Amino acid sequence: DSCPCCLASIHQRSASCGAGSPCFAEVDSMLFRTACGLTLLLQGTEGYERPERYVVATSPKTRNVLWAPLPTFHDLTLPAKDRPVPDAQVLIDGVASKCSGWTCSESSDRGLEEPTGLALYQKGGGKGMLYISDPKVGFLYRYPVQLNWRGLLEAGAQERVASDLQGRAEFLALDGFGNLFYTDSQEGKISMIDAADLAKGVTPKGRTLFSAKNIGFVAGPAGLAADSMNIYWANLKGDKTSGTLVQAGASKEQKPVILAGSSDMYQALARDLCLARDNVFFTGDTNSLFAVKTDGSSNITEIALNFKKPRGCVYDQEATVYVADAGSHAIYSLPANFQTLRKVKHVNKVTDMQSPNQLGIFFSQSSNRYLRHLASSA
């Protein structure tokens, strides 16, 4: 009763919970730490069972795709130092799965030489489709993914989606409709494979959406993200003219918007990115994680530093963003739903993982209704 802080929903904090209030604290998933103790919030989600979640990551150095469970509600009630930090497990063994000799055929599993890009699509919990790019050999694969009876994540048979991506498609993204996007930093292209073509089971050809030959906002495109309205991409060779972080709408009549790169080039260096509602988080060649508002209303803000080699990030659709740190061989969590961007105080390790690169989140079976709820509230 002595705590004056008003605890808002996970999607909207009230002004009285701001940085100056005595109860202000970091948002960690759906948990608020306040001066009054620990309060679990499920406002707006009554009757929806929160799913177990798992992080999936490519690991080019090990040639594997790895996974690990993310913190549960119970874990989040514990002090950060007491929370379990599980080791990652192998989801796809890129070496052992490769066929050899006379057993190989056109449809055989080719293993993975350098799995780099990752995108995970789920309409509901429990099952999903995992897309992995292997630019070293030029292939794009997909694998059905689900939890087995022991509660462990497992991948099904490898299926080749594209075979003309040598040195390309290091970065992948999916929108909510299942359309698959990838970038080609060498030729300066951002392409899409339509969800309908992916569903046909044939080897579809990607069509170019944006090209350096046609617009000046594409300069060595790298990490990308997509929502129902826009595409966002990082430019490895960006400058003040082309931008290092760009937003573009579906209509070619709409001019792309530079979100980063028009001012401080040190902070604006971008390589990997992820979208978290109205925030875009990105990493580059520094040891920091930065963010900007999707509407361009904010300056570049350094959210967290002291990473060793930050790579991809992913948003859990609730209130947390996860960042891969290939230098420290770990994945970290931090708050994501900022009304006003600022530096965070607490960054927590959630798993030890060898050289993680791109990330995705898999939701368990119990999350079907929950995922629909999140989608409707986005």
Foldseek 3Di string as FASTA:
>chain_A
DPAPADQDFLQDGDPCLDPPHQFHAFCFFQWGQGPVAIDGDDPPNPPADAFWKKKWFFFQVQLFIKMDTFDDPVLVSDPQVPRDAAAIDTQFRQPVQADDDPVDDPQGDHGANGWAEWEWDDLFAFKIKIWTARQCQQWIWIWIWGADPVRDIYTHGIATQERHRRQWFNYWEAENQGKIWGAGLVQQFIWIDDNVNSVVSDRDDTDTDDGVVPDVQTHRWAAWYDYPFWIWTAHQPDALVNEGIWIDGNDPVDDIDHLHHNPDNVLRAFHHWEDDPQKIWTDHQFQFIWITGNVSPDDIETADGDADAWAYWYDPLRFKIWIDRQVQQFIWIGGDNDPDGYHHDDIHTRYGHHRGHYMDMHTHNSCRVVVVSSVVVD
